[in-house]
Amino acid sequence: MTKADIVNEIAKETGIDRLTVLNAVESFMDNVKKSLVKGENVYLRGFGSFIVKTRAQKTARNISKKTTIIIPEHKIPSFKPSKTFVGDVKK
């Protein structure tokens, strides 16, 4: 399912025009991104959490050049579904 599909489904279910729904979805995604950039997690009860994880520094190898490089510690966004969400998907 794409963002356009989500917008169309919400517009059809709620009766709100498609452009308003698109703006709401875009605003939601922008706010989640801004929060994660600040290092703040986003918790949506019954759905899941958008969290920032820290990856430790590690050594990697380039096999073709036979060299090693150090990948510094960095942060990545992650999604952790709620227990009810996982339970619904398992059905």
PDB file of N, CA and C in Angstrom:
ATOM      1  N   MET A   1       0.842  -1.167   0.000  1.00  0.00           N
ATOM      2  CA  MET A   1       0.000   0.000   0.000  1.00  0.00           C
ATOM      3  C   MET A   1       0.894   1.239   0.000  1.00  0.00           C
ATOM      4  N   THR A   2       0.592   2.174  -0.860  1.00  0.00           N
ATOM      5  CA  THR A   2       1.372   3.401  -0.967  1.00  0.00           C
ATOM      6  C   THR A   2       0.691   4.526  -0.197  1.00  0.00           C
ATOM      7  N   LYS A   3       1.392   5.656  -0.093  1.00  0.00           N
ATOM      8  CA  LYS A   3       0.803   6.809   0.580  1.00  0.00           C
ATOM      9  C   LYS A   3      -0.466   7.253  -0.135  1.00  0.00           C
ATOM     10  N   ALA A   4      -0.462   7.222  -1.459  1.00  0.00           N
ATOM     11  CA  ALA A   4      -1.652   7.600  -2.225  1.00  0.00           C
ATOM     12  C   ALA A   4      -2.827   6.670  -1.916  1.00  0.00           C
ATOM     13  N   ASP A   5      -2.549   5.385  -1.774  1.00  0.00           N
ATOM     14  CA  ASP A   5      -3.599   4.423  -1.415  1.00  0.00           C
ATOM     15  C   ASP A   5      -4.171   4.731  -0.028  1.00  0.00           C
ATOM     16  N   ILE A   6      -3.281   5.057   0.908  1.00  0.00           N
ATOM     17  CA  ILE A   6      -3.732   5.389   2.260  1.00  0.00           C
ATOM     18  C   ILE A   6      -4.616   6.625   2.237  1.00  0.00           C
ATOM     19  N   VAL A   7      -4.186   7.645   1.503  1.00  0.00           N
ATOM     20  CA  VAL A   7      -4.964   8.889   1.397  1.00  0.00           C
ATOM     21  C   VAL A   7      -6.326   8.602   0.789  1.00  0.00           C
ATOM     22  N   ASN A   8      -6.374   7.815  -0.265  1.00  0.00           N
ATOM     23  CA  ASN A   8      -7.642   7.481  -0.919  1.00  0.00           C
ATOM     24  C   ASN A   8      -8.570   6.710   0.017  1.00  0.00           C
ATOM     25  N   GLU A   9      -8.031   5.758   0.782  1.00  0.00           N
ATOM     26  CA  GLU A   9      -8.844   4.971   1.714  1.00  0.00           C
ATOM     27  C   GLU A   9      -9.426   5.848   2.818  1.00  0.00           C
ATOM     28  N   ILE A  10      -8.587   6.715   3.383  1.00  0.00           N
ATOM     29  CA  ILE A  10      -9.067   7.598   4.457  1.00  0.00           C
ATOM     30  C   ILE A  10     -10.127   8.553   3.919  1.00  0.00           C
ATOM     31  N   ALA A  11      -9.904   9.102   2.735  1.00  0.00           N
ATOM     32  CA  ALA A  11     -10.876  10.024   2.130  1.00  0.00           C
ATOM     33  C   ALA A  11     -12.205   9.318   1.882  1.00  0.00           C
ATOM     34  N   LYS A  12     -12.128   8.075   1.414  1.00  0.00           N
ATOM     35  CA  LYS A  12     -13.351   7.316   1.135  1.00  0.00           C
ATOM     36  C   LYS A  12     -14.095   6.973   2.431  1.00  0.00           C
ATOM     37  N   GLU A  13     -13.363   6.567   3.471  1.00  0.00           N
ATOM     38  CA  GLU A  13     -13.987   6.159   4.729  1.00  0.00           C
ATOM     39  C   GLU A  13     -14.563   7.335   5.518  1.00  0.00           C
ATOM     40  N   THR A  14     -13.917   8.498   5.449  1.00  0.00           N
ATOM     41  CA  THR A  14     -14.349   9.628   6.268  1.00  0.00           C
ATOM     42  C   THR A  14     -15.203  10.644   5.522  1.00  0.00           C
ATOM     43  N   GLY A  15     -15.133  10.643   4.199  1.00  0.00           N
ATOM     44  CA  GLY A  15     -15.870  11.632   3.422  1.00  0.00           C
ATOM     45  C   GLY A  15     -15.163  12.972   3.327  1.00  0.00           C
ATOM     46  N   ILE A  16     -13.949  13.063   3.861  1.00  0.00           N
ATOM     47  CA  ILE A  16     -13.153  14.293   3.771  1.00  0.00           C
ATOM     48  C   ILE A  16     -12.479  14.309   2.402  1.00  0.00           C
ATOM     49  N   ASP A  17     -12.343  15.517   1.823  1.00  0.00           N
ATOM     50  CA  ASP A  17     -11.745  15.574   0.481  1.00  0.00           C
ATOM     51  C   ASP A  17     -10.286  15.125   0.518  1.00  0.00           C
ATOM     52  N   ARG A  18      -9.848  14.599  -0.603  1.00  0.00           N
ATOM     53  CA  ARG A  18      -8.544  13.956  -0.728  1.00  0.00           C
ATOM     54  C   ARG A  18      -7.383  14.900  -0.401  1.00  0.00           C
ATOM     55  N   LEU A  19      -7.470  16.160  -0.811  1.00  0.00           N
ATOM     56  CA  LEU A  19      -6.390  17.118  -0.581  1.00  0.00           C
ATOM     57  C   LEU A  19      -6.200  17.388   0.915  1.00  0.00           C
ATOM     58  N   THR A  20      -7.290  17.493   1.659  1.00  0.00           N
ATOM     59  CA  THR A  20      -7.212  17.710   3.104  1.00  0.00           C
ATOM     60  C   THR A  20      -6.579  16.502   3.787  1.00  0.00           C
ATOM     61  N   VAL A  21      -6.970  15.322   3.368  1.00  0.00           N
ATOM     62  CA  VAL A  21      -6.392  14.090   3.937  1.00  0.00           C
ATOM     63  C   VAL A  21      -4.911  14.017   3.613  1.00  0.00           C
ATOM     64  N   LEU A  22      -4.529  14.350   2.389  1.00  0.00           N
ATOM     65  CA  LEU A  22      -3.123  14.331   1.989  1.00  0.00           C
ATOM     66  C   LEU A  22      -2.310  15.280   2.859  1.00  0.00           C
ATOM     67  N   ASN A  23      -2.835  16.482   3.099  1.00  0.00           N
ATOM     68  CA  ASN A  23      -2.136  17.442   3.952  1.00  0.00           C
ATOM     69  C   ASN A  23      -1.986  16.913   5.369  1.00  0.00           C
ATOM     70  N   ALA A  24      -3.014  16.255   5.888  1.00  0.00           N
ATOM     71  CA  ALA A  24      -2.954  15.688   7.233  1.00  0.00           C
ATOM     72  C   ALA A  24      -1.913  14.573   7.326  1.00  0.00           C
ATOM     73  N   VAL A  25      -1.885  13.704   6.336  1.00  0.00           N
ATOM     74  CA  VAL A  25      -0.918  12.596   6.319  1.00  0.00           C
ATOM     75  C   VAL A  25       0.506  13.145   6.209  1.00  0.00           C
ATOM     76  N   GLU A  26       0.711  14.120   5.331  1.00  0.00           N
ATOM     77  CA  GLU A  26       2.032  14.737   5.165  1.00  0.00           C
ATOM     78  C   GLU A  26       2.471  15.411   6.463  1.00  0.00           C
ATOM     79  N   SER A  27       1.551  16.110   7.118  1.00  0.00           N
ATOM     80  CA  SER A  27       1.861  16.784   8.374  1.00  0.00           C
ATOM     81  C   SER A  27       2.228  15.775   9.452  1.00  0.00           C
ATOM     82  N   PHE A  28       1.502  14.659   9.513  1.00  0.00           N
ATOM     83  CA  PHE A  28       1.809  13.599  10.476  1.00  0.00           C
ATOM     84  C   PHE A  28       3.225  13.079  10.261  1.00  0.00           C
ATOM     85  N   MET A  29       3.561  12.780   9.027  1.00  0.00           N
ATOM     86  CA  MET A  29       4.889  12.231   8.727  1.00  0.00           C
ATOM     87  C   MET A  29       5.983  13.252   9.033  1.00  0.00           C
ATOM     88  N   ASP A  30       5.747  14.524   8.710  1.00  0.00           N
ATOM     89  CA  ASP A  30       6.728  15.572   9.012  1.00  0.00           C
ATOM     90  C   ASP A  30       6.956  15.700  10.510  1.00  0.00           C
ATOM     91  N   ASN A  31       5.879  15.636  11.293  1.00  0.00           N
ATOM     92  CA  ASN A  31       6.015  15.754  12.739  1.00  0.00           C
ATOM     93  C   ASN A  31       6.739  14.556  13.343  1.00  0.00           C
ATOM     94  N   VAL A  32       6.503  13.366  12.823  1.00  0.00           N
ATOM     95  CA  VAL A  32       7.230  12.184  13.297  1.00  0.00           C
ATOM     96  C   VAL A  32       8.716  12.345  12.973  1.00  0.00           C
ATOM     97  N   LYS A  33       9.030  12.776  11.749  1.00  0.00           N
ATOM     98  CA  LYS A  33      10.434  12.975  11.359  1.00  0.00           C
ATOM     99  C   LYS A  33      11.109  14.009  12.245  1.00  0.00           C
ATOM    100  N   LYS A  34      10.443  15.150  12.480  1.00  0.00           N
ATOM    101  CA  LYS A  34      11.024  16.211  13.306  1.00  0.00           C
ATOM    102  C   LYS A  34      11.303  15.716  14.718  1.00  0.00           C
ATOM    103  N   SER A  35      10.388  14.952  15.278  1.00  0.00           N
ATOM    104  CA  SER A  35      10.578  14.424  16.626  1.00  0.00           C
ATOM    105  C   SER A  35      11.765  13.473  16.677  1.00  0.00           C
ATOM    106  N   LEU A  36      11.883  12.602  15.687  1.00  0.00           N
ATOM    107  CA  LEU A  36      12.992  11.649  15.669  1.00  0.00           C
ATOM    108  C   LEU A  36      14.324  12.350  15.462  1.00  0.00           C
ATOM    109  N   VAL A  37      14.343  13.398  14.646  1.00  0.00           N
ATOM    110  CA  VAL A  37      15.576  14.161  14.438  1.00  0.00           C
ATOM    111  C   VAL A  37      16.029  14.794  15.754  1.00  0.00           C
ATOM    112  N   LYS A  38      15.074  15.251  16.566  1.00  0.00           N
ATOM    113  CA  LYS A  38      15.397  15.842  17.872  1.00  0.00           C
ATOM    114  C   LYS A  38      15.802  14.776  18.889  1.00  0.00           C
ATOM    115  N   GLY A  39      15.621  13.503  18.555  1.00  0.00           N
ATOM    116  CA  GLY A  39      15.939  12.422  19.478  1.00  0.00           C
ATOM    117  C   GLY A  39      14.765  12.021  20.349  1.00  0.00           C
ATOM    118  N   GLU A  40      13.579  12.540  20.044  1.00  0.00           N
ATOM    119  CA  GLU A  40      12.379  12.216  20.809  1.00  0.00           C
ATOM    120  C   GLU A  40      11.643  11.055  20.148  1.00  0.00           C
ATOM    121  N   ASN A  41      11.222  10.084  20.952  1.00  0.00           N
ATOM    122  CA  ASN A  41      10.454   8.958  20.433  1.00  0.00           C
ATOM    123  C   ASN A  41       8.988   9.350  20.295  1.00  0.00           C
ATOM    124  N   VAL A  42       8.272   8.685  19.385  1.00  0.00           N
ATOM    125  CA  VAL A  42       6.847   8.938  19.163  1.00  0.00           C
ATOM    126  C   VAL A  42       6.087   7.668  19.522  1.00  0.00           C
ATOM    127  N   TYR A  43       5.149   7.774  20.477  1.00  0.00           N
ATOM    128  CA  TYR A  43       4.391   6.626  20.947  1.00  0.00           C
ATOM    129  C   TYR A  43       2.934   6.759  20.513  1.00  0.00           C
ATOM    130  N   LEU A  44       2.425   5.770  19.789  1.00  0.00           N
ATOM    131  CA  LEU A  44       1.032   5.736  19.357  1.00  0.00           C
ATOM    132  C   LEU A  44       0.388   4.506  19.975  1.00  0.00           C
ATOM    133  N   ARG A  45      -0.373   4.722  21.041  1.00  0.00           N
ATOM    134  CA  ARG A  45      -0.974   3.624  21.797  1.00  0.00           C
ATOM    135  C   ARG A  45      -1.834   2.741  20.883  1.00  0.00           C
ATOM    136  N   GLY A  46      -1.624   1.442  20.959  1.00  0.00           N
ATOM    137  CA  GLY A  46      -2.376   0.485  20.161  1.00  0.00           C
ATOM    138  C   GLY A  46      -1.819   0.286  18.759  1.00  0.00           C
ATOM    139  N   PHE A  47      -0.828   1.084  18.375  1.00  0.00           N
ATOM    140  CA  PHE A  47      -0.232   0.965  17.043  1.00  0.00           C
ATOM    141  C   PHE A  47       1.246   0.607  17.148  1.00  0.00           C
ATOM    142  N   GLY A  48       2.024   1.449  17.820  1.00  0.00           N
ATOM    143  CA  GLY A  48       3.444   1.174  17.967  1.00  0.00           C
ATOM    144  C   GLY A  48       4.217   2.426  18.295  1.00  0.00           C
ATOM    145  N   SER A  49       5.541   2.293  18.274  1.00  0.00           N
ATOM    146  CA  SER A  49       6.426   3.400  18.617  1.00  0.00           C
ATOM    147  C   SER A  49       7.457   3.601  17.524  1.00  0.00           C
ATOM    148  N   PHE A  50       7.666   4.864  17.176  1.00  0.00           N
ATOM    149  CA  PHE A  50       8.772   5.243  16.310  1.00  0.00           C
ATOM    150  C   PHE A  50       9.883   5.672  17.251  1.00  0.00           C
ATOM    151  N   ILE A  51      11.007   4.952  17.221  1.00  0.00           N
ATOM    152  CA  ILE A  51      12.078   5.210  18.176  1.00  0.00           C
ATOM    153  C   ILE A  51      13.399   5.442  17.443  1.00  0.00           C
ATOM    154  N   VAL A  52      14.326   6.060  18.159  1.00  0.00           N
ATOM    155  CA  VAL A  52      15.671   6.286  17.635  1.00  0.00           C
ATOM    156  C   VAL A  52      16.594   5.294  18.320  1.00  0.00           C
ATOM    157  N   LYS A  53      17.282   4.485  17.523  1.00  0.00           N
ATOM    158  CA  LYS A  53      18.228   3.512  18.068  1.00  0.00           C
ATOM    159  C   LYS A  53      19.645   3.989  17.777  1.00  0.00           C
ATOM    160  N   THR A  54      20.547   3.687  18.681  1.00  0.00           N
ATOM    161  CA  THR A  54      21.948   4.036  18.492  1.00  0.00           C
ATOM    162  C   THR A  54      22.722   2.781  18.142  1.00  0.00           C
ATOM    163  N   ARG A  55      23.395   2.830  17.019  1.00  0.00           N
ATOM    164  CA  ARG A  55      24.248   1.721  16.588  1.00  0.00           C
ATOM    165  C   ARG A  55      25.665   1.985  17.083  1.00  0.00           C
ATOM    166  N   ALA A  56      26.283   0.995  17.666  1.00  0.00           N
ATOM    167  CA  ALA A  56      27.632   1.132  18.199  1.00  0.00           C
ATOM    168  C   ALA A  56      28.658   1.210  17.064  1.00  0.00           C
ATOM    169  N   GLN A  57      29.806   1.757  17.390  1.00  0.00           N
ATOM    170  CA  GLN A  57      30.903   1.799  16.427  1.00  0.00           C
ATOM    171  C   GLN A  57      31.339   0.377  16.112  1.00  0.00           C
ATOM    172  N   LYS A  58      31.690   0.135  14.856  1.00  0.00           N
ATOM    173  CA  LYS A  58      32.134  -1.210  14.489  1.00  0.00           C
ATOM    174  C   LYS A  58      33.163  -1.142  13.373  1.00  0.00           C
ATOM    175  N   THR A  59      33.867  -2.237  13.205  1.00  0.00           N
ATOM    176  CA  THR A  59      34.859  -2.359  12.147  1.00  0.00           C
ATOM    177  C   THR A  59      34.256  -3.164  11.015  1.00  0.00           C
ATOM    178  N   ALA A  60      34.384  -2.647   9.799  1.00  0.00           N
ATOM    179  CA  ALA A  60      33.864  -3.334   8.616  1.00  0.00           C
ATOM    180  C   ALA A  60      35.010  -3.613   7.665  1.00  0.00           C
ATOM    181  N   ARG A  61      34.793  -4.591   6.798  1.00  0.00           N
ATOM    182  CA  ARG A  61      35.842  -4.952   5.844  1.00  0.00           C
ATOM    183  C   ARG A  61      35.346  -4.828   4.424  1.00  0.00           C
ATOM    184  N   ASN A  62      36.194  -4.296   3.551  1.00  0.00           N
ATOM    185  CA  ASN A  62      35.948  -4.283   2.116  1.00  0.00           C
ATOM    186  C   ASN A  62      36.767  -5.435   1.548  1.00  0.00           C
ATOM    187  N   ILE A  63      36.098  -6.519   1.233  1.00  0.00           N
ATOM    188  CA  ILE A  63      36.791  -7.747   0.831  1.00  0.00           C
ATOM    189  C   ILE A  63      37.536  -7.577  -0.482  1.00  0.00           C
ATOM    190  N   SER A  64      36.941  -6.856  -1.436  1.00  0.00           N
ATOM    191  CA  SER A  64      37.589  -6.711  -2.739  1.00  0.00           C
ATOM    192  C   SER A  64      38.873  -5.890  -2.657  1.00  0.00           C
ATOM    193  N   LYS A  65      38.914  -4.875  -1.784  1.00  0.00           N
ATOM    194  CA  LYS A  65      40.123  -4.044  -1.642  1.00  0.00           C
ATOM    195  C   LYS A  65      41.012  -4.511  -0.493  1.00  0.00           C
ATOM    196  N   LYS A  66      40.521  -5.472   0.285  1.00  0.00           N
ATOM    197  CA  LYS A  66      41.250  -6.011   1.443  1.00  0.00           C
ATOM    198  C   LYS A  66      41.635  -4.901   2.422  1.00  0.00           C
ATOM    199  N   THR A  67      40.653  -4.046   2.718  1.00  0.00           N
ATOM    200  CA  THR A  67      40.875  -2.972   3.685  1.00  0.00           C
ATOM    201  C   THR A  67      39.804  -3.044   4.768  1.00  0.00           C
ATOM    202  N   THR A  68      40.100  -2.398   5.869  1.00  0.00           N
ATOM    203  CA  THR A  68      39.106  -2.294   6.938  1.00  0.00           C
ATOM    204  C   THR A  68      38.817  -0.820   7.188  1.00  0.00           C
ATOM    205  N   ILE A  69      37.582  -0.550   7.556  1.00  0.00           N
ATOM    206  CA  ILE A  69      37.199   0.805   7.899  1.00  0.00           C
ATOM    207  C   ILE A  69      36.436   0.770   9.217  1.00  0.00           C
ATOM    208  N   ILE A  70      36.426   1.889   9.884  1.00  0.00           N
ATOM    209  CA  ILE A  70      35.673   1.999  11.134  1.00  0.00           C
ATOM    210  C   ILE A  70      34.402   2.778  10.840  1.00  0.00           C
ATOM    211  N   ILE A  71      33.275   2.161  11.142  1.00  0.00           N
ATOM    212  CA  ILE A  71      31.983   2.833  10.993  1.00  0.00           C
ATOM    213  C   ILE A  71      31.662   3.449  12.354  1.00  0.00           C
ATOM    214  N   PRO A  72      31.545   4.771  12.421  1.00  0.00           N
ATOM    215  CA  PRO A  72      31.324   5.410  13.718  1.00  0.00           C
ATOM    216  C   PRO A  72      29.927   5.119  14.276  1.00  0.00           C
ATOM    217  N   GLU A  73      29.770   5.386  15.559  1.00  0.00           N
ATOM    218  CA  GLU A  73      28.469   5.253  16.197  1.00  0.00           C
ATOM    219  C   GLU A  73      27.493   6.184  15.490  1.00  0.00           C
ATOM    220  N   HIS A  74      26.280   5.704  15.248  1.00  0.00           N
ATOM    221  CA  HIS A  74      25.277   6.524  14.564  1.00  0.00           C
ATOM    222  C   HIS A  74      23.879   6.138  15.023  1.00  0.00           C
ATOM    223  N   LYS A  75      22.927   7.001  14.735  1.00  0.00           N
ATOM    224  CA  LYS A  75      21.543   6.776  15.138  1.00  0.00           C
ATOM    225  C   LYS A  75      20.705   6.459  13.913  1.00  0.00           C
ATOM    226  N   ILE A  76      19.718   5.559  14.103  1.00  0.00           N
ATOM    227  CA  ILE A  76      18.808   5.206  13.020  1.00  0.00           C
ATOM    228  C   ILE A  76      17.378   5.197  13.543  1.00  0.00           C
ATOM    229  N   PRO A  77      16.418   5.534  12.684  1.00  0.00           N
ATOM    230  CA  PRO A  77      15.019   5.435  13.099  1.00  0.00           C
ATOM    231  C   PRO A  77      14.559   3.983  13.041  1.00  0.00           C
ATOM    232  N   SER A  78      13.615   3.646  13.910  1.00  0.00           N
ATOM    233  CA  SER A  78      13.104   2.287  13.962  1.00  0.00           C
ATOM    234  C   SER A  78      11.633   2.327  14.365  1.00  0.00           C
ATOM    235  N   PHE A  79      10.898   1.281  14.015  1.00  0.00           N
ATOM    236  CA  PHE A  79       9.501   1.167  14.410  1.00  0.00           C
ATOM    237  C   PHE A  79       9.325  -0.111  15.202  1.00  0.00           C
ATOM    238  N   LYS A  80       8.670   0.000  16.348  1.00  0.00           N
ATOM    239  CA  LYS A  80       8.378  -1.168  17.176  1.00  0.00           C
ATOM    240  C   LYS A  80       6.863  -1.262  17.312  1.00  0.00           C
ATOM    241  N   PRO A  81       6.239  -2.274  16.720  1.00  0.00           N
ATOM    242  CA  PRO A  81       4.774  -2.394  16.805  1.00  0.00           C
ATOM    243  C   PRO A  81       4.323  -2.762  18.218  1.00  0.00           C
ATOM    244  N   SER A  82       3.097  -2.351  18.556  1.00  0.00           N
ATOM    245  CA  SER A  82       2.539  -2.686  19.867  1.00  0.00           C
ATOM    246  C   SER A  82       2.138  -4.161  19.899  1.00  0.00           C
ATOM    247  N   LYS A  83       1.914  -4.675  21.080  1.00  0.00           N
ATOM    248  CA  LYS A  83       1.525  -6.083  21.227  1.00  0.00           C
ATOM    249  C   LYS A  83       0.194  -6.369  20.554  1.00  0.00           C
ATOM    250  N   THR A  84      -0.751  -5.426  20.647  1.00  0.00           N
ATOM    251  CA  THR A  84      -2.044  -5.645  20.004  1.00  0.00           C
ATOM    252  C   THR A  84      -1.915  -5.638  18.482  1.00  0.00           C
ATOM    253  N   PHE A  85      -1.027  -4.792  17.962  1.00  0.00           N
ATOM    254  CA  PHE A  85      -0.788  -4.729  16.519  1.00  0.00           C
ATOM    255  C   PHE A  85      -0.190  -6.064  16.050  1.00  0.00           C
ATOM    256  N   VAL A  86       0.807  -6.549  16.773  1.00  0.00           N
ATOM    257  CA  VAL A  86       1.437  -7.826  16.419  1.00  0.00           C
ATOM    258  C   VAL A  86       0.410  -8.952  16.490  1.00  0.00           C
ATOM    259  N   GLY A  87      -0.423  -8.938  17.523  1.00  0.00           N
ATOM    260  CA  GLY A  87      -1.462  -9.954  17.650  1.00  0.00           C
ATOM    261  C   GLY A  87      -2.451  -9.941  16.510  1.00  0.00           C
ATOM    262  N   ASP A  88      -2.830  -8.749  16.049  1.00  0.00           N
ATOM    263  CA  ASP A  88      -3.755  -8.637  14.924  1.00  0.00           C
ATOM    264  C   ASP A  88      -3.138  -9.166  13.631  1.00  0.00           C
ATOM    265  N   VAL A  89      -1.847  -8.923  13.441  1.00  0.00           N
ATOM    266  CA  VAL A  89      -1.175  -9.383  12.221  1.00  0.00           C
ATOM    267  C   VAL A  89      -1.025 -10.898  12.235  1.00  0.00           C
ATOM    268  N   LYS A  90      -0.821 -11.484  13.397  1.00  0.00           N
ATOM    269  CA  LYS A  90      -0.619 -12.943  13.507  1.00  0.00           C
ATOM    270  C   LYS A  90      -1.878 -13.736  13.198  1.00  0.00           C
ATOM    271  N   LYS A  91      -3.055 -13.098  13.322  1.00  0.00           N
ATOM    272  CA  LYS A  91      -4.315 -13.830  13.103  1.00  0.00           C
ATOM    273  C   LYS A  91      -4.448 -14.326  11.701  1.00  0.00           C
TER     274      LYS A  91
END
